[in-house]
ModelCIF file with pLDDT and N, C-alpha, C, O atoms, coordinates in Angstrom:
data_MODEL
#
_entry.id   MODEL 
#
_entity.id                         1 
_entity.type                       polymer 
_entity.pdbx_number_of_molecules   1 
#
_entity_poly.entity_id                      1 
_entity_poly.type                           'polypeptide(L)' 
_entity_poly.nstd_linkage                   no 
_entity_poly.nstd_monomer                   no 
_entity_poly.pdbx_seq_one_letter_code       
;(UNK)(UNK)(UNK)(UNK)(UNK)(UNK)(UNK)(UNK)(UNK)(UNK)(UNK)(UNK)(UNK)(UNK)(UNK)(UNK)
(UNK)(UNK)(UNK)(UNK)(UNK)(UNK)(UNK)(UNK)(UNK)(UNK)(UNK)(UNK)(UNK)(UNK)(UNK)(UNK)
(UNK)(UNK)(UNK)(UNK)(UNK)(UNK)(UNK)(UNK)(UNK)(UNK)(UNK)(UNK)(UNK)(UNK)
;
_entity_poly.pdbx_seq_one_letter_code_can   XXXXXXXXXXXXXXXXXXXXXXXXXXXXXXXXXXXXXXXXXXXXXX 
_entity_poly.pdbx_strand_id                 A 
#
loop_
_entity_poly_seq.entity_id 
_entity_poly_seq.num 
_entity_poly_seq.mon_id 
_entity_poly_seq.hetero 
1 1  UNK n 
1 2  UNK n 
1 3  UNK n 
1 4  UNK n 
1 5  UNK n 
1 6  UNK n 
1 7  UNK n 
1 8  UNK n 
1 9  UNK n 
1 10 UNK n 
1 11 UNK n 
1 12 UNK n 
1 13 UNK n 
1 14 UNK n 
1 15 UNK n 
1 16 UNK n 
1 17 UNK n 
1 18 UNK n 
1 19 UNK n 
1 20 UNK n 
1 21 UNK n 
1 22 UNK n 
1 23 UNK n 
1 24 UNK n 
1 25 UNK n 
1 26 UNK n 
1 27 UNK n 
1 28 UNK n 
1 29 UNK n 
1 30 UNK n 
1 31 UNK n 
1 32 UNK n 
1 33 UNK n 
1 34 UNK n 
1 35 UNK n 
1 36 UNK n 
1 37 UNK n 
1 38 UNK n 
1 39 UNK n 
1 40 UNK n 
1 41 UNK n 
1 42 UNK n 
1 43 UNK n 
1 44 UNK n 
1 45 UNK n 
1 46 UNK n 
#
_struct_asym.id          A 
_struct_asym.entity_id   1 
#
loop_
_ma_qa_metric.id 
_ma_qa_metric.mode 
_ma_qa_metric.name 
_ma_qa_metric.software_group_id 
_ma_qa_metric.type 
1 global pLDDT . pLDDT 
2 local  pLDDT . pLDDT 
#
_ma_qa_metric_global.metric_id      1 
_ma_qa_metric_global.metric_value   92.93 
_ma_qa_metric_global.model_id       1 
_ma_qa_metric_global.ordinal_id     1 
#
loop_
_ma_qa_metric_local.label_asym_id 
_ma_qa_metric_local.label_comp_id 
_ma_qa_metric_local.label_seq_id 
_ma_qa_metric_local.metric_id 
_ma_qa_metric_local.metric_value 
_ma_qa_metric_local.model_id 
_ma_qa_metric_local.ordinal_id 
A UNK 1  2 97.00 1 1  
A UNK 2  2 97.00 1 2  
A UNK 3  2 97.00 1 3  
A UNK 4  2 96.00 1 4  
A UNK 5  2 97.00 1 5  
A UNK 6  2 97.00 1 6  
A UNK 7  2 96.00 1 7  
A UNK 8  2 96.00 1 8  
A UNK 9  2 95.00 1 9  
A UNK 10 2 93.00 1 10 
A UNK 11 2 93.00 1 11 
A UNK 12 2 91.00 1 12 
A UNK 13 2 89.00 1 13 
A UNK 14 2 87.00 1 14 
A UNK 15 2 83.00 1 15 
A UNK 16 2 85.00 1 16 
A UNK 17 2 87.00 1 17 
A UNK 18 2 91.00 1 18 
A UNK 19 2 93.00 1 19 
A UNK 20 2 94.00 1 20 
A UNK 21 2 94.00 1 21 
A UNK 22 2 95.00 1 22 
A UNK 23 2 95.00 1 23 
A UNK 24 2 96.00 1 24 
A UNK 25 2 95.00 1 25 
A UNK 26 2 96.00 1 26 
A UNK 27 2 95.00 1 27 
A UNK 28 2 95.00 1 28 
A UNK 29 2 94.00 1 29 
A UNK 30 2 94.00 1 30 
A UNK 31 2 91.00 1 31 
A UNK 32 2 93.00 1 32 
A UNK 33 2 94.00 1 33 
A UNK 34 2 92.00 1 34 
A UNK 35 2 90.00 1 35 
A UNK 36 2 92.00 1 36 
A UNK 37 2 91.00 1 37 
A UNK 38 2 89.00 1 38 
A UNK 39 2 89.00 1 39 
A UNK 40 2 90.00 1 40 
A UNK 41 2 92.00 1 41 
A UNK 42 2 91.00 1 42 
A UNK 43 2 93.00 1 43 
A UNK 44 2 94.00 1 44 
A UNK 45 2 95.00 1 45 
A UNK 46 2 96.00 1 46 
#
loop_
_atom_site.group_PDB 
_atom_site.id 
_atom_site.type_symbol 
_atom_site.label_atom_id 
_atom_site.label_alt_id 
_atom_site.label_comp_id 
_atom_site.label_asym_id 
_atom_site.label_entity_id 
_atom_site.label_seq_id 
_atom_site.pdbx_PDB_ins_code 
_atom_site.Cartn_x 
_atom_site.Cartn_y 
_atom_site.Cartn_z 
_atom_site.occupancy 
_atom_site.B_iso_or_equiv 
_atom_site.pdbx_formal_charge 
_atom_site.auth_seq_id 
_atom_site.auth_comp_id 
_atom_site.auth_asym_id 
_atom_site.auth_atom_id 
_atom_site.pdbx_PDB_model_num 
ATOM 1   N N  . UNK A 1 1  ? 1.086   -1.419  0.066   1.00 97.00 ? 1  UNK A N  1 
ATOM 2   C CA . UNK A 1 1  ? -0.233  -0.129  -0.014  1.00 97.00 ? 1  UNK A CA 1 
ATOM 3   C C  . UNK A 1 1  ? 0.991   1.500   0.276   1.00 97.00 ? 1  UNK A C  1 
ATOM 4   O O  . UNK A 1 1  ? 0.604   2.509   -0.313  1.00 97.00 ? 1  UNK A O  1 
ATOM 5   N N  . UNK A 1 2  ? 1.999   1.611   0.918   1.00 97.00 ? 2  UNK A N  1 
ATOM 6   C CA . UNK A 1 2  ? 3.378   2.396   1.116   1.00 97.00 ? 2  UNK A CA 1 
ATOM 7   C C  . UNK A 1 2  ? 3.257   3.347   -0.171  1.00 97.00 ? 2  UNK A C  1 
ATOM 8   O O  . UNK A 1 2  ? 2.838   4.404   -0.643  1.00 97.00 ? 2  UNK A O  1 
ATOM 9   N N  . UNK A 1 3  ? 4.418   1.332   -0.503  1.00 97.00 ? 3  UNK A N  1 
ATOM 10  C CA . UNK A 1 3  ? 4.537   1.506   -2.877  1.00 97.00 ? 3  UNK A CA 1 
ATOM 11  C C  . UNK A 1 3  ? 3.584   2.461   -3.454  1.00 97.00 ? 3  UNK A C  1 
ATOM 12  O O  . UNK A 1 3  ? 3.744   3.681   -3.443  1.00 97.00 ? 3  UNK A O  1 
ATOM 13  N N  . UNK A 1 4  ? 2.469   1.769   -4.017  1.00 96.00 ? 4  UNK A N  1 
ATOM 14  C CA . UNK A 1 4  ? 1.198   2.181   -4.248  1.00 96.00 ? 4  UNK A CA 1 
ATOM 15  C C  . UNK A 1 4  ? 1.127   3.532   -3.882  1.00 96.00 ? 4  UNK A C  1 
ATOM 16  O O  . UNK A 1 4  ? 1.422   4.548   -4.511  1.00 96.00 ? 4  UNK A O  1 
ATOM 17  N N  . UNK A 1 5  ? 0.427   3.267   -2.108  1.00 97.00 ? 5  UNK A N  1 
ATOM 18  C CA . UNK A 1 5  ? 0.626   5.381   -2.855  1.00 97.00 ? 5  UNK A CA 1 
ATOM 19  C C  . UNK A 1 5  ? 1.913   6.444   -3.276  1.00 97.00 ? 5  UNK A C  1 
ATOM 20  O O  . UNK A 1 5  ? 1.601   7.585   -3.615  1.00 97.00 ? 5  UNK A O  1 
ATOM 21  N N  . UNK A 1 6  ? 3.292   6.072   -3.250  1.00 97.00 ? 6  UNK A N  1 
ATOM 22  C CA . UNK A 1 6  ? 4.189   6.655   -3.702  1.00 97.00 ? 6  UNK A CA 1 
ATOM 23  C C  . UNK A 1 6  ? 4.006   6.973   -5.201  1.00 97.00 ? 6  UNK A C  1 
ATOM 24  O O  . UNK A 1 6  ? 3.887   8.002   -5.866  1.00 97.00 ? 6  UNK A O  1 
ATOM 25  N N  . UNK A 1 7  ? 4.041   5.341   -5.502  1.00 96.00 ? 7  UNK A N  1 
ATOM 26  C CA . UNK A 1 7  ? 4.038   5.849   -6.864  1.00 96.00 ? 7  UNK A CA 1 
ATOM 27  C C  . UNK A 1 7  ? 2.662   6.786   -7.434  1.00 96.00 ? 7  UNK A C  1 
ATOM 28  O O  . UNK A 1 7  ? 2.609   7.568   -8.384  1.00 96.00 ? 7  UNK A O  1 
ATOM 29  N N  . UNK A 1 8  ? 1.576   6.361   -6.438  1.00 96.00 ? 8  UNK A N  1 
ATOM 30  C CA . UNK A 1 8  ? 0.899   7.056   -7.361  1.00 96.00 ? 8  UNK A CA 1 
ATOM 31  C C  . UNK A 1 8  ? 0.699   8.778   -7.110  1.00 96.00 ? 8  UNK A C  1 
ATOM 32  O O  . UNK A 1 8  ? 0.083   9.690   -7.662  1.00 96.00 ? 8  UNK A O  1 
ATOM 33  N N  . UNK A 1 9  ? 1.294   8.672   -6.345  1.00 95.00 ? 9  UNK A N  1 
ATOM 34  C CA . UNK A 1 9  ? 2.476   10.424  -5.894  1.00 95.00 ? 9  UNK A CA 1 
ATOM 35  C C  . UNK A 1 9  ? 2.421   11.184  -7.731  1.00 95.00 ? 9  UNK A C  1 
ATOM 36  O O  . UNK A 1 9  ? 2.367   12.327  -8.186  1.00 95.00 ? 9  UNK A O  1 
ATOM 37  N N  . UNK A 1 10 ? 2.457   10.185  -8.149  1.00 93.00 ? 10 UNK A N  1 
ATOM 38  C CA . UNK A 1 10 ? 3.859   10.766  -9.227  1.00 93.00 ? 10 UNK A CA 1 
ATOM 39  C C  . UNK A 1 10 ? 2.786   10.249  -11.053 1.00 93.00 ? 10 UNK A C  1 
ATOM 40  O O  . UNK A 1 10 ? 2.422   10.843  -12.068 1.00 93.00 ? 10 UNK A O  1 
ATOM 41  N N  . UNK A 1 11 ? 2.707   8.892   -10.507 1.00 93.00 ? 11 UNK A N  1 
ATOM 42  C CA . UNK A 1 11 ? 1.063   8.685   -11.812 1.00 93.00 ? 11 UNK A CA 1 
ATOM 43  C C  . UNK A 1 11 ? -0.379  9.465   -11.921 1.00 93.00 ? 11 UNK A C  1 
ATOM 44  O O  . UNK A 1 11 ? -0.562  9.846   -13.077 1.00 93.00 ? 11 UNK A O  1 
ATOM 45  N N  . UNK A 1 12 ? -1.542  9.834   -10.956 1.00 91.00 ? 12 UNK A N  1 
ATOM 46  C CA . UNK A 1 12 ? -1.846  10.654  -9.634  1.00 91.00 ? 12 UNK A CA 1 
ATOM 47  C C  . UNK A 1 12 ? -2.911  9.281   -10.124 1.00 91.00 ? 12 UNK A C  1 
ATOM 48  O O  . UNK A 1 12 ? -3.990  9.803   -10.405 1.00 91.00 ? 12 UNK A O  1 
ATOM 49  N N  . UNK A 1 13 ? -3.001  7.836   -10.317 1.00 89.00 ? 13 UNK A N  1 
ATOM 50  C CA . UNK A 1 13 ? -3.893  6.977   -11.057 1.00 89.00 ? 13 UNK A CA 1 
ATOM 51  C C  . UNK A 1 13 ? -4.969  7.026   -10.232 1.00 89.00 ? 13 UNK A C  1 
ATOM 52  O O  . UNK A 1 13 ? -6.026  6.713   -10.779 1.00 89.00 ? 13 UNK A O  1 
ATOM 53  N N  . UNK A 1 14 ? -5.061  7.496   -8.409  1.00 87.00 ? 14 UNK A N  1 
ATOM 54  C CA . UNK A 1 14 ? -5.806  7.112   -7.158  1.00 87.00 ? 14 UNK A CA 1 
ATOM 55  C C  . UNK A 1 14 ? -7.007  8.805   -8.160  1.00 87.00 ? 14 UNK A C  1 
ATOM 56  O O  . UNK A 1 14 ? -6.418  9.800   -8.582  1.00 87.00 ? 14 UNK A O  1 
ATOM 57  N N  . UNK A 1 15 ? -8.198  8.684   -8.253  1.00 83.00 ? 15 UNK A N  1 
ATOM 58  C CA . UNK A 1 15 ? -9.488  9.417   -8.273  1.00 83.00 ? 15 UNK A CA 1 
ATOM 59  C C  . UNK A 1 15 ? -9.428  10.481  -6.363  1.00 83.00 ? 15 UNK A C  1 
ATOM 60  O O  . UNK A 1 15 ? -9.921  11.605  -6.274  1.00 83.00 ? 15 UNK A O  1 
ATOM 61  N N  . UNK A 1 16 ? -9.026  10.060  -5.644  1.00 85.00 ? 16 UNK A N  1 
ATOM 62  C CA . UNK A 1 16 ? -9.511  10.251  -4.599  1.00 85.00 ? 16 UNK A CA 1 
ATOM 63  C C  . UNK A 1 16 ? -8.668  9.703   -3.683  1.00 85.00 ? 16 UNK A C  1 
ATOM 64  O O  . UNK A 1 16 ? -8.276  8.584   -4.012  1.00 85.00 ? 16 UNK A O  1 
ATOM 65  N N  . UNK A 1 17 ? -7.997  10.369  -1.990  1.00 87.00 ? 17 UNK A N  1 
ATOM 66  C CA . UNK A 1 17 ? -7.383  9.634   -1.369  1.00 87.00 ? 17 UNK A CA 1 
ATOM 67  C C  . UNK A 1 17 ? -7.558  8.607   -0.521  1.00 87.00 ? 17 UNK A C  1 
ATOM 68  O O  . UNK A 1 17 ? -6.762  7.761   -0.115  1.00 87.00 ? 17 UNK A O  1 
ATOM 69  N N  . UNK A 1 18 ? -9.762  8.952   -0.103  1.00 91.00 ? 18 UNK A N  1 
ATOM 70  C CA . UNK A 1 18 ? -10.030 7.784   0.379   1.00 91.00 ? 18 UNK A CA 1 
ATOM 71  C C  . UNK A 1 18 ? -10.733 6.278   -0.561  1.00 91.00 ? 18 UNK A C  1 
ATOM 72  O O  . UNK A 1 18 ? -11.027 5.150   -0.165  1.00 91.00 ? 18 UNK A O  1 
ATOM 73  N N  . UNK A 1 19 ? -10.786 6.769   -1.587  1.00 93.00 ? 19 UNK A N  1 
ATOM 74  C CA . UNK A 1 19 ? -10.527 5.123   -2.146  1.00 93.00 ? 19 UNK A CA 1 
ATOM 75  C C  . UNK A 1 19 ? -9.790  4.940   -1.810  1.00 93.00 ? 19 UNK A C  1 
ATOM 76  O O  . UNK A 1 19 ? -10.123 4.187   -0.895  1.00 93.00 ? 19 UNK A O  1 
ATOM 77  N N  . UNK A 1 20 ? -8.244  5.064   -1.756  1.00 94.00 ? 20 UNK A N  1 
ATOM 78  C CA . UNK A 1 20 ? -6.712  4.950   -0.972  1.00 94.00 ? 20 UNK A CA 1 
ATOM 79  C C  . UNK A 1 20 ? -7.413  3.455   0.350   1.00 94.00 ? 20 UNK A C  1 
ATOM 80  O O  . UNK A 1 20 ? -7.377  2.230   0.473   1.00 94.00 ? 20 UNK A O  1 
ATOM 81  N N  . UNK A 1 21 ? -7.957  4.657   1.031   1.00 94.00 ? 21 UNK A N  1 
ATOM 82  C CA . UNK A 1 21 ? -8.594  4.517   3.156   1.00 94.00 ? 21 UNK A CA 1 
ATOM 83  C C  . UNK A 1 21 ? -9.220  3.440   2.817   1.00 94.00 ? 21 UNK A C  1 
ATOM 84  O O  . UNK A 1 21 ? -8.579  2.454   3.181   1.00 94.00 ? 21 UNK A O  1 
ATOM 85  N N  . UNK A 1 22 ? -10.572 3.074   2.069   1.00 95.00 ? 22 UNK A N  1 
ATOM 86  C CA . UNK A 1 22 ? -11.104 2.382   2.154   1.00 95.00 ? 22 UNK A CA 1 
ATOM 87  C C  . UNK A 1 22 ? -10.849 0.436   1.474   1.00 95.00 ? 22 UNK A C  1 
ATOM 88  O O  . UNK A 1 22 ? -11.145 -0.704  1.831   1.00 95.00 ? 22 UNK A O  1 
ATOM 89  N N  . UNK A 1 23 ? -10.016 1.240   0.165   1.00 95.00 ? 23 UNK A N  1 
ATOM 90  C CA . UNK A 1 23 ? -9.519  -0.559  -0.153  1.00 95.00 ? 23 UNK A CA 1 
ATOM 91  C C  . UNK A 1 23 ? -8.634  -1.139  1.212   1.00 95.00 ? 23 UNK A C  1 
ATOM 92  O O  . UNK A 1 23 ? -8.879  -2.144  1.879   1.00 95.00 ? 23 UNK A O  1 
ATOM 93  N N  . UNK A 1 24 ? -7.773  -0.369  1.345   1.00 96.00 ? 24 UNK A N  1 
ATOM 94  C CA . UNK A 1 24 ? -6.819  -0.575  1.735   1.00 96.00 ? 24 UNK A CA 1 
ATOM 95  C C  . UNK A 1 24 ? -7.158  -0.641  3.653   1.00 96.00 ? 24 UNK A C  1 
ATOM 96  O O  . UNK A 1 24 ? -6.428  -0.750  4.639   1.00 96.00 ? 24 UNK A O  1 
ATOM 97  N N  . UNK A 1 25 ? -8.197  -0.547  3.503   1.00 95.00 ? 25 UNK A N  1 
ATOM 98  C CA . UNK A 1 25 ? -9.142  -1.089  4.707   1.00 95.00 ? 25 UNK A CA 1 
ATOM 99  C C  . UNK A 1 25 ? -9.946  -2.209  4.597   1.00 95.00 ? 25 UNK A C  1 
ATOM 100 O O  . UNK A 1 25 ? -10.348 -2.879  5.548   1.00 95.00 ? 25 UNK A O  1 
ATOM 101 N N  . UNK A 1 26 ? -10.264 -2.483  2.964   1.00 96.00 ? 26 UNK A N  1 
ATOM 102 C CA . UNK A 1 26 ? -11.026 -3.510  3.131   1.00 96.00 ? 26 UNK A CA 1 
ATOM 103 C C  . UNK A 1 26 ? -9.935  -4.668  3.375   1.00 96.00 ? 26 UNK A C  1 
ATOM 104 O O  . UNK A 1 26 ? -9.867  -5.441  4.330   1.00 96.00 ? 26 UNK A O  1 
ATOM 105 N N  . UNK A 1 27 ? -9.182  -4.582  2.357   1.00 95.00 ? 27 UNK A N  1 
ATOM 106 C CA . UNK A 1 27 ? -8.257  -5.093  1.957   1.00 95.00 ? 27 UNK A CA 1 
ATOM 107 C C  . UNK A 1 27 ? -7.676  -5.923  3.221   1.00 95.00 ? 27 UNK A C  1 
ATOM 108 O O  . UNK A 1 27 ? -8.121  -7.062  3.076   1.00 95.00 ? 27 UNK A O  1 
ATOM 109 N N  . UNK A 1 28 ? -7.098  -5.887  4.077   1.00 95.00 ? 28 UNK A N  1 
ATOM 110 C CA . UNK A 1 28 ? -6.308  -5.690  5.650   1.00 95.00 ? 28 UNK A CA 1 
ATOM 111 C C  . UNK A 1 28 ? -6.777  -6.761  6.546   1.00 95.00 ? 28 UNK A C  1 
ATOM 112 O O  . UNK A 1 28 ? -6.091  -7.660  7.033   1.00 95.00 ? 28 UNK A O  1 
ATOM 113 N N  . UNK A 1 29 ? -8.991  -6.383  6.818   1.00 94.00 ? 29 UNK A N  1 
ATOM 114 C CA . UNK A 1 29 ? -10.095 -6.521  7.135   1.00 94.00 ? 29 UNK A CA 1 
ATOM 115 C C  . UNK A 1 29 ? -9.830  -7.652  6.875   1.00 94.00 ? 29 UNK A C  1 
ATOM 116 O O  . UNK A 1 29 ? -9.639  -8.431  7.809   1.00 94.00 ? 29 UNK A O  1 
ATOM 117 N N  . UNK A 1 30 ? -9.730  -8.127  5.449   1.00 94.00 ? 30 UNK A N  1 
ATOM 118 C CA . UNK A 1 30 ? -10.212 -9.242  4.253   1.00 94.00 ? 30 UNK A CA 1 
ATOM 119 C C  . UNK A 1 30 ? -8.758  -10.425 4.952   1.00 94.00 ? 30 UNK A C  1 
ATOM 120 O O  . UNK A 1 30 ? -8.913  -11.479 5.568   1.00 94.00 ? 30 UNK A O  1 
ATOM 121 N N  . UNK A 1 31 ? -7.637  -9.844  4.617   1.00 91.00 ? 31 UNK A N  1 
ATOM 122 C CA . UNK A 1 31 ? -6.828  -10.774 5.688   1.00 91.00 ? 31 UNK A CA 1 
ATOM 123 C C  . UNK A 1 31 ? -7.338  -11.279 6.804   1.00 91.00 ? 31 UNK A C  1 
ATOM 124 O O  . UNK A 1 31 ? -7.633  -12.442 7.075   1.00 91.00 ? 31 UNK A O  1 
ATOM 125 N N  . UNK A 1 32 ? -7.449  -9.892  7.692   1.00 93.00 ? 32 UNK A N  1 
ATOM 126 C CA . UNK A 1 32 ? -8.420  -10.827 8.796   1.00 93.00 ? 32 UNK A CA 1 
ATOM 127 C C  . UNK A 1 32 ? -8.105  -11.804 9.042   1.00 93.00 ? 32 UNK A C  1 
ATOM 128 O O  . UNK A 1 32 ? -7.327  -12.639 9.503   1.00 93.00 ? 32 UNK A O  1 
ATOM 129 N N  . UNK A 1 33 ? -9.963  -11.119 8.061   1.00 94.00 ? 33 UNK A N  1 
ATOM 130 C CA . UNK A 1 33 ? -11.125 -12.205 8.486   1.00 94.00 ? 33 UNK A CA 1 
ATOM 131 C C  . UNK A 1 33 ? -10.583 -13.984 7.750   1.00 94.00 ? 33 UNK A C  1 
ATOM 132 O O  . UNK A 1 33 ? -10.987 -14.968 8.368   1.00 94.00 ? 33 UNK A O  1 
ATOM 133 N N  . UNK A 1 34 ? -9.964  -14.140 6.854   1.00 92.00 ? 34 UNK A N  1 
ATOM 134 C CA . UNK A 1 34 ? -9.144  -14.696 6.148   1.00 92.00 ? 34 UNK A CA 1 
ATOM 135 C C  . UNK A 1 34 ? -7.893  -15.465 6.181   1.00 92.00 ? 34 UNK A C  1 
ATOM 136 O O  . UNK A 1 34 ? -7.260  -16.050 5.303   1.00 92.00 ? 34 UNK A O  1 
ATOM 137 N N  . UNK A 1 35 ? -7.679  -15.265 7.694   1.00 90.00 ? 35 UNK A N  1 
ATOM 138 C CA . UNK A 1 35 ? -5.955  -15.566 8.076   1.00 90.00 ? 35 UNK A CA 1 
ATOM 139 C C  . UNK A 1 35 ? -6.973  -15.879 9.312   1.00 90.00 ? 35 UNK A C  1 
ATOM 140 O O  . UNK A 1 35 ? -6.936  -17.110 9.332   1.00 90.00 ? 35 UNK A O  1 
ATOM 141 N N  . UNK A 1 36 ? -7.970  -15.432 10.479  1.00 92.00 ? 36 UNK A N  1 
ATOM 142 C CA . UNK A 1 36 ? -8.650  -15.847 11.634  1.00 92.00 ? 36 UNK A CA 1 
ATOM 143 C C  . UNK A 1 36 ? -8.024  -17.464 12.326  1.00 92.00 ? 36 UNK A C  1 
ATOM 144 O O  . UNK A 1 36 ? -8.446  -18.437 11.700  1.00 92.00 ? 36 UNK A O  1 
ATOM 145 N N  . UNK A 1 37 ? -7.314  -17.711 13.235  1.00 91.00 ? 37 UNK A N  1 
ATOM 146 C CA . UNK A 1 37 ? -6.445  -16.117 14.139  1.00 91.00 ? 37 UNK A CA 1 
ATOM 147 C C  . UNK A 1 37 ? -5.456  -16.185 14.215  1.00 91.00 ? 37 UNK A C  1 
ATOM 148 O O  . UNK A 1 37 ? -4.874  -16.272 15.297  1.00 91.00 ? 37 UNK A O  1 
ATOM 149 N N  . UNK A 1 38 ? -5.018  -16.173 13.340  1.00 89.00 ? 38 UNK A N  1 
ATOM 150 C CA . UNK A 1 38 ? -3.288  -16.458 12.887  1.00 89.00 ? 38 UNK A CA 1 
ATOM 151 C C  . UNK A 1 38 ? -3.762  -14.818 13.457  1.00 89.00 ? 38 UNK A C  1 
ATOM 152 O O  . UNK A 1 38 ? -3.812  -15.015 14.671  1.00 89.00 ? 38 UNK A O  1 
ATOM 153 N N  . UNK A 1 39 ? -4.101  -13.451 13.258  1.00 89.00 ? 39 UNK A N  1 
ATOM 154 C CA . UNK A 1 39 ? -2.882  -11.915 13.387  1.00 89.00 ? 39 UNK A CA 1 
ATOM 155 C C  . UNK A 1 39 ? -4.467  -11.474 14.628  1.00 89.00 ? 39 UNK A C  1 
ATOM 156 O O  . UNK A 1 39 ? -5.596  -11.963 14.647  1.00 89.00 ? 39 UNK A O  1 
ATOM 157 N N  . UNK A 1 40 ? -4.023  -10.708 15.238  1.00 90.00 ? 40 UNK A N  1 
ATOM 158 C CA . UNK A 1 40 ? -5.096  -9.945  16.758  1.00 90.00 ? 40 UNK A CA 1 
ATOM 159 C C  . UNK A 1 40 ? -5.412  -8.930  16.252  1.00 90.00 ? 40 UNK A C  1 
ATOM 160 O O  . UNK A 1 40 ? -4.665  -8.354  15.462  1.00 90.00 ? 40 UNK A O  1 
ATOM 161 N N  . UNK A 1 41 ? -6.299  -8.590  16.505  1.00 92.00 ? 41 UNK A N  1 
ATOM 162 C CA . UNK A 1 41 ? -7.237  -7.469  15.315  1.00 92.00 ? 41 UNK A CA 1 
ATOM 163 C C  . UNK A 1 41 ? -6.105  -6.455  15.775  1.00 92.00 ? 41 UNK A C  1 
ATOM 164 O O  . UNK A 1 41 ? -5.445  -6.090  14.802  1.00 92.00 ? 41 UNK A O  1 
ATOM 165 N N  . UNK A 1 42 ? -5.570  -5.736  17.308  1.00 91.00 ? 42 UNK A N  1 
ATOM 166 C CA . UNK A 1 42 ? -4.129  -4.741  16.961  1.00 91.00 ? 42 UNK A CA 1 
ATOM 167 C C  . UNK A 1 42 ? -3.890  -4.876  16.394  1.00 91.00 ? 42 UNK A C  1 
ATOM 168 O O  . UNK A 1 42 ? -3.716  -3.824  15.779  1.00 91.00 ? 42 UNK A O  1 
ATOM 169 N N  . UNK A 1 43 ? -3.526  -5.956  15.681  1.00 93.00 ? 43 UNK A N  1 
ATOM 170 C CA . UNK A 1 43 ? -2.279  -6.524  14.716  1.00 93.00 ? 43 UNK A CA 1 
ATOM 171 C C  . UNK A 1 43 ? -2.000  -6.227  12.970  1.00 93.00 ? 43 UNK A C  1 
ATOM 172 O O  . UNK A 1 43 ? -0.962  -6.005  12.347  1.00 93.00 ? 43 UNK A O  1 
ATOM 173 N N  . UNK A 1 44 ? -3.506  -6.346  12.521  1.00 94.00 ? 44 UNK A N  1 
ATOM 174 C CA . UNK A 1 44 ? -3.894  -5.544  11.797  1.00 94.00 ? 44 UNK A CA 1 
ATOM 175 C C  . UNK A 1 44 ? -3.826  -3.791  11.907  1.00 94.00 ? 44 UNK A C  1 
ATOM 176 O O  . UNK A 1 44 ? -3.426  -2.851  11.220  1.00 94.00 ? 44 UNK A O  1 
ATOM 177 N N  . UNK A 1 45 ? -4.280  -3.948  12.816  1.00 95.00 ? 45 UNK A N  1 
ATOM 178 C CA . UNK A 1 45 ? -5.116  -1.485  13.479  1.00 95.00 ? 45 UNK A CA 1 
ATOM 179 C C  . UNK A 1 45 ? -3.355  -1.521  13.478  1.00 95.00 ? 45 UNK A C  1 
ATOM 180 O O  . UNK A 1 45 ? -3.155  -0.307  13.437  1.00 95.00 ? 45 UNK A O  1 
ATOM 181 N N  . UNK A 1 46 ? -2.599  -1.866  13.489  1.00 96.00 ? 46 UNK A N  1 
ATOM 182 C CA . UNK A 1 46 ? -0.822  -1.482  13.664  1.00 96.00 ? 46 UNK A CA 1 
ATOM 183 C C  . UNK A 1 46 ? -0.782  -1.260  11.880  1.00 96.00 ? 46 UNK A C  1 
ATOM 184 O O  . UNK A 1 46 ? 0.270   -0.953  11.320  1.00 96.00 ? 46 UNK A O  1 
#
């Protein structure tokens, strides 16, 4: 996500910062659910 964010600073792919925030959160929560109980909620938040 960090690498994508820096690429977007150069190429301006993402139309709205909130899109980046929402997609990142959804992907992280998806990984949290699929891998449960591998990660603690605090680790995903981190």
